[in-house]
Each structure stands twice: as C-alpha cells, then as structure tokens.
Amino acid sequence: MFFDADPVAFTVGSLSIYWYGIFMAITFVTGYAAVRHLALHYGMKPAAVDDVMFKGAITIFVGARLGVVVTNLPYYLSNPLEIVARPGLGSHGAVIAVMIVGLYLVRRANLNYWRMADAAAILFPIGHIFIRLGNFVNGELHGTATGLPWAVQFRTTIEPVHPVQLYEAGFSLLFLPLAWYWAKNPQYPGYAFFRIVLVHSLVRLGLDSLRPHTTLIGPFVLTQWLALTLAIFCAVMIAYKEKNPSRA
C-alpha cells in the first residue's frame, strides 16, 4: 500500500496546521483530563495537582525532545540548529525527565510521589495512540522493509516497510483499558506506574528491532538499552513493592 498523505491538515492564512500538531494537542487535552481525574480520585487537592501537571507537561516536552537529541547526538552536534528546528519526541527521555524533575515538583506540592506517578502513567497508552498516528501521517519512525501484505510505502521510503507506528498505536489502544484499570485500582503507590512502564518498555524493546538500525551498542540500539533499563527497574520495583506494599 502506498501512503502519501499531506502532513498539513489545513491552513489559516499563511499558517499551516499539521496533523502531528493536532494529534499532539489531542494527547495533551485527553491526557490532562485523565491524569487530573485519577489524581482527584486518589484524594489529591485540585490546586496542587493542577500546578504539578502544568510544570510536569513542560518537563515532559523538554525531556522528550532531549531524548531524541541524545539518541542522535552525532547528528545534532553537527547540526545544532536542528535541535529546535527539527520535529520529534522520545518517550524514554520524557519518562526519565519527569521522574527526576517530578520528584522535586511533587514533594514541593506535598503530594505522594508514586501515587502521582500512578495517575501520570496513563499518559503512556494515550500518548502513543495519537502521537504515533501523527508519525504515520508524517511517514516517520517507520520500520524496515518487508513483503508482508500490510506493508506501507511512504513518500520517504523506496520500498514497502513495517508500519511500526500503527503497531504501537494499535497495541496502546488495546492496552489502554488494562492500564486504566490498574490506575483506577492501585493496590499501593506506584502499582500502576511500574506495570504500565514495564509493558510499554518491553513493547518498545521489541518494536525498535523492526526500525532501521542506527548505531548498535552490542545487540541493541540506544533506545532499546533505555527500554531494557526501565523494564528491569520496574520489574525490580514491582517485586520489592509486592513484598513491602506499605512503603510509599
């Protein structure tokens, strides 16, 4: 199948509105509503939640952008202006950034860190449903060449490839109800976060093997090593919390 969609959804005067931007906006609106609902469901104060979410959203965006820059560092060192000019976000950069900066934000707001993480974790499936659709329209983050019946040829490829964007979006859509159930019924602080991030990281570990390889570091590329590190961390934390559920 040949896919040649226009990444521009519509124009307003001289301003072009891109599909990727629309999907990003949908992610932020739906993600904000879902995280706020869960945080209030846990009994958190609305004003404190709103403050943390606003600053957390900025942190997520900056971290996601840095995730792309770090995993493609030689290119960006040679083309520094592309750091702000070129599109692209990396979910693992967002996770690491929000876990580090979020510790300060949540503690400053006098909220439970891992309970807030449970609420925020729902952003993983929500974000990957919409953002990967934006990637698909842009013809980016596709997979390697394949002869499978559902292979897609983009304007940016010379032969049909795995539509990895749709694989990830489809999985996230199927995973969302389970992730929501975990987030609505956490057995202890961090219960939903560790499980959602573990599943997400394992999926990324597998799907990144279908994407064209950048520089391999041993058997994996850098994004796979990041996914594996997060998966191991979450698995260890799940084992620990199962034995010590009362520890916040």
C-alpha atoms as a PDB file:
ATOM      1  CA  MET A   1       0.000   0.000   0.000  1.00  0.00           C
ATOM      2  CA  PHE A   2       1.330   3.414  -0.946  1.00  0.00           C
ATOM      3  CA  PHE A   3       0.615   6.140   1.615  1.00  0.00           C
ATOM      4  CA  ASP A   4       1.184   9.737   0.590  1.00  0.00           C
ATOM      5  CA  ALA A   5      -0.919  11.868   2.950  1.00  0.00           C
ATOM      6  CA  ASP A   6      -0.283  15.584   3.259  1.00  0.00           C
ATOM      7  CA  PRO A   7       1.128  16.249   6.746  1.00  0.00           C
ATOM      8  CA  VAL A   8      -0.633  19.625   6.662  1.00  0.00           C
ATOM      9  CA  ALA A   9      -4.236  19.263   7.828  1.00  0.00           C
ATOM     10  CA  PHE A  10      -5.326  22.761   6.796  1.00  0.00           C
ATOM     11  CA  THR A  11      -4.094  26.328   6.565  1.00  0.00           C
ATOM     12  CA  VAL A  12      -5.319  29.529   8.156  1.00  0.00           C
ATOM     13  CA  GLY A  13      -3.973  32.354   6.066  1.00  0.00           C
ATOM     14  CA  SER A  14      -0.222  31.758   5.910  1.00  0.00           C
ATOM     15  CA  LEU A  15      -0.297  29.463   8.957  1.00  0.00           C
ATOM     16  CA  SER A  16      -0.121  25.722   8.307  1.00  0.00           C
ATOM     17  CA  ILE A  17      -1.728  23.398  10.849  1.00  0.00           C
ATOM     18  CA  TYR A  18      -0.080  19.969  10.817  1.00  0.00           C
ATOM     19  CA  TRP A  19      -1.718  16.664  11.647  1.00  0.00           C
ATOM     20  CA  TYR A  20       1.116  15.928  14.060  1.00  0.00           C
ATOM     21  CA  GLY A  21       0.320  19.112  15.969  1.00  0.00           C
ATOM     22  CA  ILE A  22      -3.372  18.209  16.069  1.00  0.00           C
ATOM     23  CA  PHE A  23      -2.627  14.753  17.447  1.00  0.00           C
ATOM     24  CA  MET A  24      -0.242  16.293  19.963  1.00  0.00           C
ATOM     25  CA  ALA A  25      -2.953  18.693  21.111  1.00  0.00           C
ATOM     26  CA  ILE A  26      -5.440  15.820  21.470  1.00  0.00           C
ATOM     27  CA  THR A  27      -2.856  13.965  23.564  1.00  0.00           C
ATOM     28  CA  PHE A  28      -2.389  16.897  25.925  1.00  0.00           C
ATOM     29  CA  VAL A  29      -6.121  17.565  26.326  1.00  0.00           C
ATOM     30  CA  THR A  30      -7.156  13.948  26.864  1.00  0.00           C
ATOM     31  CA  GLY A  31      -4.058  13.195  28.930  1.00  0.00           C
ATOM     32  CA  TYR A  32      -4.638  16.191  31.188  1.00  0.00           C
ATOM     33  CA  ALA A  33      -8.261  15.204  31.764  1.00  0.00           C
ATOM     34  CA  ALA A  34      -7.357  11.579  32.509  1.00  0.00           C
ATOM     35  CA  VAL A  35      -4.452  12.350  34.857  1.00  0.00           C
ATOM     36  CA  ARG A  36      -6.426  15.003  36.741  1.00  0.00           C
ATOM     37  CA  HIS A  37      -9.396  12.636  37.119  1.00  0.00           C
ATOM     38  CA  LEU A  38      -7.162   9.927  38.558  1.00  0.00           C
ATOM     39  CA  ALA A  39      -5.293  12.297  40.875  1.00  0.00           C
ATOM     40  CA  LEU A  40      -8.556  13.616  42.311  1.00  0.00           C
ATOM     41  CA  HIS A  41      -9.800  10.026  42.535  1.00  0.00           C
ATOM     42  CA  TYR A  42      -6.827   9.410  44.862  1.00  0.00           C
ATOM     43  CA  GLY A  43      -7.945  12.330  47.038  1.00  0.00           C
ATOM     44  CA  MET A  44      -5.326  14.882  45.982  1.00  0.00           C
ATOM     45  CA  LYS A  45      -6.006  18.616  46.195  1.00  0.00           C
ATOM     46  CA  PRO A  46      -7.048  20.121  42.828  1.00  0.00           C
ATOM     47  CA  ALA A  47      -4.846  23.243  43.101  1.00  0.00           C
ATOM     48  CA  ALA A  48      -1.730  21.199  43.889  1.00  0.00           C
ATOM     49  CA  VAL A  49      -2.499  18.721  41.094  1.00  0.00           C
ATOM     50  CA  ASP A  50      -3.000  21.487  38.529  1.00  0.00           C
ATOM     51  CA  ASP A  51       0.299  23.156  39.485  1.00  0.00           C
ATOM     52  CA  VAL A  52       2.259  19.901  39.235  1.00  0.00           C
ATOM     53  CA  MET A  53       0.604  18.956  35.944  1.00  0.00           C
ATOM     54  CA  PHE A  54       1.352  22.301  34.292  1.00  0.00           C
ATOM     55  CA  LYS A  55       5.035  22.173  35.227  1.00  0.00           C
ATOM     56  CA  GLY A  56       5.145  18.460  34.529  1.00  0.00           C
ATOM     57  CA  ALA A  57       3.830  18.994  30.991  1.00  0.00           C
ATOM     58  CA  ILE A  58       6.727  21.356  30.265  1.00  0.00           C
ATOM     59  CA  THR A  59       9.144  18.835  31.741  1.00  0.00           C
ATOM     60  CA  ILE A  60       7.710  16.026  29.621  1.00  0.00           C
ATOM     61  CA  PHE A  61       8.046  18.044  26.420  1.00  0.00           C
ATOM     62  CA  VAL A  62      11.631  19.152  27.153  1.00  0.00           C
ATOM     63  CA  GLY A  63      12.626  15.646  28.256  1.00  0.00           C
ATOM     64  CA  ALA A  64      11.035  14.057  25.183  1.00  0.00           C
ATOM     65  CA  ARG A  65      12.945  16.424  22.930  1.00  0.00           C
ATOM     66  CA  LEU A  66      16.216  15.783  24.750  1.00  0.00           C
ATOM     67  CA  GLY A  67      15.540  12.064  24.382  1.00  0.00           C
ATOM     68  CA  VAL A  68      15.658  12.440  20.607  1.00  0.00           C
ATOM     69  CA  VAL A  69      18.747  14.663  20.712  1.00  0.00           C
ATOM     70  CA  VAL A  70      20.722  12.326  22.989  1.00  0.00           C
ATOM     71  CA  THR A  71      19.917   9.206  20.948  1.00  0.00           C
ATOM     72  CA  ASN A  72      21.024  11.000  17.766  1.00  0.00           C
ATOM     73  CA  LEU A  73      23.797  13.057  19.329  1.00  0.00           C
ATOM     74  CA  PRO A  74      26.366  12.962  16.470  1.00  0.00           C
ATOM     75  CA  TYR A  75      23.798  14.418  14.057  1.00  0.00           C
ATOM     76  CA  TYR A  76      22.723  17.201  16.401  1.00  0.00           C
ATOM     77  CA  LEU A  77      26.302  18.081  17.332  1.00  0.00           C
ATOM     78  CA  SER A  78      26.926  18.610  13.629  1.00  0.00           C
ATOM     79  CA  ASN A  79      23.598  20.433  13.151  1.00  0.00           C
ATOM     80  CA  PRO A  80      22.887  22.280  16.432  1.00  0.00           C
ATOM     81  CA  LEU A  81      20.122  24.469  14.987  1.00  0.00           C
ATOM     82  CA  GLU A  82      18.143  21.305  14.237  1.00  0.00           C
ATOM     83  CA  ILE A  83      17.726  20.757  17.996  1.00  0.00           C
ATOM     84  CA  VAL A  84      14.893  23.289  17.956  1.00  0.00           C
ATOM     85  CA  ALA A  85      14.036  23.297  14.251  1.00  0.00           C
ATOM     86  CA  ARG A  86      13.561  19.584  13.599  1.00  0.00           C
ATOM     87  CA  PRO A  87      10.441  17.803  14.959  1.00  0.00           C
ATOM     88  CA  GLY A  88      10.499  14.619  17.001  1.00  0.00           C
ATOM     89  CA  LEU A  89       9.954  13.452  20.578  1.00  0.00           C
ATOM     90  CA  GLY A  90      11.296  10.467  22.525  1.00  0.00           C
ATOM     91  CA  SER A  91       9.125   8.834  25.174  1.00  0.00           C
ATOM     92  CA  HIS A  92      12.018   7.478  27.228  1.00  0.00           C
ATOM     93  CA  GLY A  93      13.526  10.937  27.537  1.00  0.00           C
ATOM     94  CA  ALA A  94      10.155  12.141  28.801  1.00  0.00           C
ATOM     95  CA  VAL A  95       9.976   9.334  31.375  1.00  0.00           C
ATOM     96  CA  ILE A  96      13.446   9.967  32.765  1.00  0.00           C
ATOM     97  CA  ALA A  97      12.978  13.744  32.869  1.00  0.00           C
ATOM     98  CA  VAL A  98       9.595  13.667  34.569  1.00  0.00           C
ATOM     99  CA  MET A  99      10.748  11.071  37.117  1.00  0.00           C
ATOM    100  CA  ILE A 100      13.689  13.276  38.139  1.00  0.00           C
ATOM    101  CA  VAL A 101      12.084  16.735  37.971  1.00  0.00           C
ATOM    102  CA  GLY A 102       8.745  15.332  39.113  1.00  0.00           C
ATOM    103  CA  LEU A 103      10.319  14.258  42.407  1.00  0.00           C
ATOM    104  CA  TYR A 104      11.006  17.913  43.199  1.00  0.00           C
ATOM    105  CA  LEU A 105       7.630  19.155  41.918  1.00  0.00           C
ATOM    106  CA  VAL A 106       5.536  16.563  43.733  1.00  0.00           C
ATOM    107  CA  ARG A 107       7.398  16.816  47.028  1.00  0.00           C
ATOM    108  CA  ARG A 108       7.193  20.609  46.863  1.00  0.00           C
ATOM    109  CA  ALA A 109       3.423  20.334  46.403  1.00  0.00           C
ATOM    110  CA  ASN A 110       3.258  17.918  49.361  1.00  0.00           C
ATOM    111  CA  LEU A 111       1.833  15.090  47.254  1.00  0.00           C
ATOM    112  CA  ASN A 112       2.695  11.400  47.260  1.00  0.00           C
ATOM    113  CA  TYR A 113       5.292  10.880  44.520  1.00  0.00           C
ATOM    114  CA  TRP A 114       4.404   7.345  43.468  1.00  0.00           C
ATOM    115  CA  ARG A 115       0.671   7.974  43.727  1.00  0.00           C
ATOM    116  CA  MET A 116       1.035  10.914  41.343  1.00  0.00           C
ATOM    117  CA  ALA A 117       3.124   8.643  39.119  1.00  0.00           C
ATOM    118  CA  ASP A 118       0.213   6.184  39.037  1.00  0.00           C
ATOM    119  CA  ALA A 119      -2.041   8.932  37.694  1.00  0.00           C
ATOM    120  CA  ALA A 120       0.517  10.196  35.174  1.00  0.00           C
ATOM    121  CA  ALA A 121       1.287   6.719  33.813  1.00  0.00           C
ATOM    122  CA  ILE A 122      -1.965   6.694  31.843  1.00  0.00           C
ATOM    123  CA  LEU A 123      -0.236   9.163  29.502  1.00  0.00           C
ATOM    124  CA  PHE A 124       1.769   6.282  28.013  1.00  0.00           C
ATOM    125  CA  PRO A 125      -1.050   4.499  26.173  1.00  0.00           C
ATOM    126  CA  ILE A 126      -2.960   7.732  25.494  1.00  0.00           C
ATOM    127  CA  GLY A 127       0.078   9.475  24.056  1.00  0.00           C
ATOM    128  CA  HIS A 128       1.166   6.559  21.912  1.00  0.00           C
ATOM    129  CA  ILE A 129      -2.260   6.192  20.340  1.00  0.00           C
ATOM    130  CA  PHE A 130      -2.333   9.718  18.975  1.00  0.00           C
ATOM    131  CA  ILE A 131       1.324  10.659  18.563  1.00  0.00           C
ATOM    132  CA  ARG A 132       2.109   7.507  16.596  1.00  0.00           C
ATOM    133  CA  LEU A 133      -0.762   8.347  14.253  1.00  0.00           C
ATOM    134  CA  GLY A 134       0.950  11.689  13.718  1.00  0.00           C
ATOM    135  CA  ASN A 135       4.216   9.879  12.996  1.00  0.00           C
ATOM    136  CA  PHE A 136       2.381   7.682  10.487  1.00  0.00           C
ATOM    137  CA  VAL A 137       0.948  10.665   8.623  1.00  0.00           C
ATOM    138  CA  ASN A 138       4.432  12.201   8.526  1.00  0.00           C
ATOM    139  CA  GLY A 139       5.932   8.939   7.233  1.00  0.00           C
ATOM    140  CA  GLU A 140       8.496   8.896  10.058  1.00  0.00           C
ATOM    141  CA  LEU A 141       9.592   6.275  12.603  1.00  0.00           C
ATOM    142  CA  HIS A 142       8.569   3.539  10.178  1.00  0.00           C
ATOM    143  CA  GLY A 143      10.020   0.055  10.212  1.00  0.00           C
ATOM    144  CA  THR A 144      12.373  -1.877   7.997  1.00  0.00           C
ATOM    145  CA  ALA A 145      11.493  -3.232   4.561  1.00  0.00           C
ATOM    146  CA  THR A 146       9.062  -6.141   4.442  1.00  0.00           C
ATOM    147  CA  GLY A 147       6.941  -8.046   1.959  1.00  0.00           C
ATOM    148  CA  LEU A 148       4.031  -8.568   4.350  1.00  0.00           C
ATOM    149  CA  PRO A 149       0.553  -7.802   2.916  1.00  0.00           C
ATOM    150  CA  TRP A 150       0.047  -4.828   5.254  1.00  0.00           C
ATOM    151  CA  ALA A 151       3.393  -3.211   4.438  1.00  0.00           C
ATOM    152  CA  VAL A 152       3.238   0.502   3.672  1.00  0.00           C
ATOM    153  CA  GLN A 153       5.339   2.523   1.268  1.00  0.00           C
ATOM    154  CA  PHE A 154       5.725   6.161   2.280  1.00  0.00           C
ATOM    155  CA  ARG A 155       6.989   9.017   0.188  1.00  0.00           C
ATOM    156  CA  THR A 156      10.161   8.792   2.312  1.00  0.00           C
ATOM    157  CA  THR A 157      10.846   5.096   1.551  1.00  0.00           C
ATOM    158  CA  ILE A 158      11.868   3.341  -1.642  1.00  0.00           C
ATOM    159  CA  GLU A 159      10.049   0.106  -0.789  1.00  0.00           C
ATOM    160  CA  PRO A 160       7.231  -1.100   1.486  1.00  0.00           C
ATOM    161  CA  VAL A 161       8.088  -1.149   5.199  1.00  0.00           C
ATOM    162  CA  HIS A 162       6.621  -2.246   8.520  1.00  0.00           C
ATOM    163  CA  PRO A 163       4.071   0.378   9.700  1.00  0.00           C
ATOM    164  CA  VAL A 164       5.585   0.271  13.178  1.00  0.00           C
ATOM    165  CA  GLN A 165       3.736   3.456  14.096  1.00  0.00           C
ATOM    166  CA  LEU A 166       0.416   1.648  13.645  1.00  0.00           C
ATOM    167  CA  TYR A 167       1.697  -1.403  15.535  1.00  0.00           C
ATOM    168  CA  GLU A 168       2.425   0.792  18.548  1.00  0.00           C
ATOM    169  CA  ALA A 169      -0.776   2.819  18.258  1.00  0.00           C
ATOM    170  CA  GLY A 170      -2.856  -0.336  17.935  1.00  0.00           C
ATOM    171  CA  PHE A 171      -1.197  -2.002  20.898  1.00  0.00           C
ATOM    172  CA  SER A 172      -1.660   1.138  23.016  1.00  0.00           C
ATOM    173  CA  LEU A 173      -5.361   1.229  22.145  1.00  0.00           C
ATOM    174  CA  LEU A 174      -5.774  -2.390  23.237  1.00  0.00           C
ATOM    175  CA  PHE A 175      -3.651  -1.828  26.346  1.00  0.00           C
ATOM    176  CA  LEU A 176      -5.469   1.327  27.471  1.00  0.00           C
ATOM    177  CA  PRO A 177      -8.387  -0.418  29.294  1.00  0.00           C
ATOM    178  CA  LEU A 178      -5.984  -2.549  31.344  1.00  0.00           C
ATOM    179  CA  ALA A 179      -3.787   0.466  32.112  1.00  0.00           C
ATOM    180  CA  TRP A 180      -6.885   2.412  33.188  1.00  0.00           C
ATOM    181  CA  TYR A 181      -7.985  -0.447  35.437  1.00  0.00           C
ATOM    182  CA  TRP A 182      -4.572  -0.544  37.129  1.00  0.00           C
ATOM    183  CA  ALA A 183      -4.609   3.238  37.573  1.00  0.00           C
ATOM    184  CA  LYS A 184      -8.157   3.283  38.994  1.00  0.00           C
ATOM    185  CA  ASN A 185      -7.435   0.430  41.436  1.00  0.00           C
ATOM    186  CA  PRO A 186      -3.796   0.718  42.564  1.00  0.00           C
ATOM    187  CA  GLN A 187      -3.005  -1.645  45.417  1.00  0.00           C
ATOM    188  CA  TYR A 188      -0.153   0.567  46.623  1.00  0.00           C
ATOM    189  CA  PRO A 189       1.617   3.762  45.468  1.00  0.00           C
ATOM    190  CA  GLY A 190       3.452   3.004  42.230  1.00  0.00           C
ATOM    191  CA  TYR A 191       1.327  -0.045  41.392  1.00  0.00           C
ATOM    192  CA  ALA A 192       0.021   1.280  38.079  1.00  0.00           C
ATOM    193  CA  PHE A 193       3.145   3.235  37.134  1.00  0.00           C
ATOM    194  CA  PHE A 194       5.552   0.314  37.361  1.00  0.00           C
ATOM    195  CA  ARG A 195       3.263  -2.029  35.442  1.00  0.00           C
ATOM    196  CA  ILE A 196       2.413   0.425  32.676  1.00  0.00           C
ATOM    197  CA  VAL A 197       6.028   1.498  32.161  1.00  0.00           C
ATOM    198  CA  LEU A 198       7.178  -2.139  32.242  1.00  0.00           C
ATOM    199  CA  VAL A 199       4.735  -3.140  29.498  1.00  0.00           C
ATOM    200  CA  HIS A 200       5.497  -0.025  27.455  1.00  0.00           C
ATOM    201  CA  SER A 201       9.254  -0.599  27.705  1.00  0.00           C
ATOM    202  CA  LEU A 202       9.007  -4.252  26.661  1.00  0.00           C
ATOM    203  CA  VAL A 203       6.902  -3.271  23.649  1.00  0.00           C
ATOM    204  CA  ARG A 204       9.435  -0.599  22.667  1.00  0.00           C
ATOM    205  CA  LEU A 205      12.268  -3.082  23.106  1.00  0.00           C
ATOM    206  CA  GLY A 206      10.602  -5.349  20.561  1.00  0.00           C
ATOM    207  CA  LEU A 207       9.310  -2.752  18.105  1.00  0.00           C
ATOM    208  CA  ASP A 208      12.604  -0.860  17.927  1.00  0.00           C
ATOM    209  CA  SER A 209      14.143  -4.029  16.489  1.00  0.00           C
ATOM    210  CA  LEU A 210      11.846  -3.518  13.479  1.00  0.00           C
ATOM    211  CA  ARG A 211      13.016   0.041  12.892  1.00  0.00           C
ATOM    212  CA  PRO A 212      16.049   0.809  10.706  1.00  0.00           C
ATOM    213  CA  HIS A 213      19.083   0.468  12.948  1.00  0.00           C
ATOM    214  CA  THR A 214      21.186   3.411  13.937  1.00  0.00           C
ATOM    215  CA  THR A 215      24.484   2.592  15.661  1.00  0.00           C
ATOM    216  CA  LEU A 216      24.322  -0.696  17.539  1.00  0.00           C
ATOM    217  CA  ILE A 217      25.716  -0.875  21.068  1.00  0.00           C
ATOM    218  CA  GLY A 218      26.217  -4.594  21.446  1.00  0.00           C
ATOM    219  CA  PRO A 219      22.958  -6.320  20.426  1.00  0.00           C
ATOM    220  CA  PHE A 220      20.757  -3.203  20.774  1.00  0.00           C
ATOM    221  CA  VAL A 221      20.466   0.416  19.751  1.00  0.00           C
ATOM    222  CA  LEU A 222      20.458   3.090  22.460  1.00  0.00           C
ATOM    223  CA  THR A 223      16.648   3.350  22.642  1.00  0.00           C
ATOM    224  CA  GLN A 224      16.448  -0.404  23.277  1.00  0.00           C
ATOM    225  CA  TRP A 225      19.000  -0.174  26.068  1.00  0.00           C
ATOM    226  CA  LEU A 226      16.925   2.612  27.638  1.00  0.00           C
ATOM    227  CA  ALA A 227      13.790   0.483  27.319  1.00  0.00           C
ATOM    228  CA  LEU A 228      15.551  -2.526  28.827  1.00  0.00           C
ATOM    229  CA  THR A 229      16.876  -0.436  31.736  1.00  0.00           C
ATOM    230  CA  LEU A 230      13.401   0.909  32.512  1.00  0.00           C
ATOM    231  CA  ALA A 231      11.884  -2.579  32.216  1.00  0.00           C
ATOM    232  CA  ILE A 232      14.399  -4.031  34.681  1.00  0.00           C
ATOM    233  CA  PHE A 233      13.914  -1.115  37.078  1.00  0.00           C
ATOM    234  CA  CYS A 234      10.135  -1.533  37.006  1.00  0.00           C
ATOM    235  CA  ALA A 235      10.324  -5.309  37.414  1.00  0.00           C
ATOM    236  CA  VAL A 236      12.602  -4.921  40.449  1.00  0.00           C
ATOM    237  CA  MET A 237      10.315  -2.277  41.955  1.00  0.00           C
ATOM    238  CA  ILE A 238       7.236  -4.459  41.420  1.00  0.00           C
ATOM    239  CA  ALA A 239       8.943  -7.345  43.215  1.00  0.00           C
ATOM    240  CA  TYR A 240      10.003  -5.047  46.048  1.00  0.00           C
ATOM    241  CA  LYS A 241       6.612  -3.348  46.427  1.00  0.00           C
ATOM    242  CA  GLU A 242       4.769  -6.675  46.394  1.00  0.00           C
ATOM    243  CA  LYS A 243       6.744  -7.612  49.492  1.00  0.00           C
ATOM    244  CA  ASN A 244       6.558  -4.111  51.026  1.00  0.00           C
ATOM    245  CA  PRO A 245       3.237  -2.627  49.837  1.00  0.00           C
ATOM    246  CA  SER A 246       3.013  -0.103  52.675  1.00  0.00           C
ATOM    247  CA  ARG A 247       6.288   1.627  51.744  1.00  0.00           C
ATOM    248  CA  ALA A 248       5.470   4.860  49.844  1.00  0.00           C
END
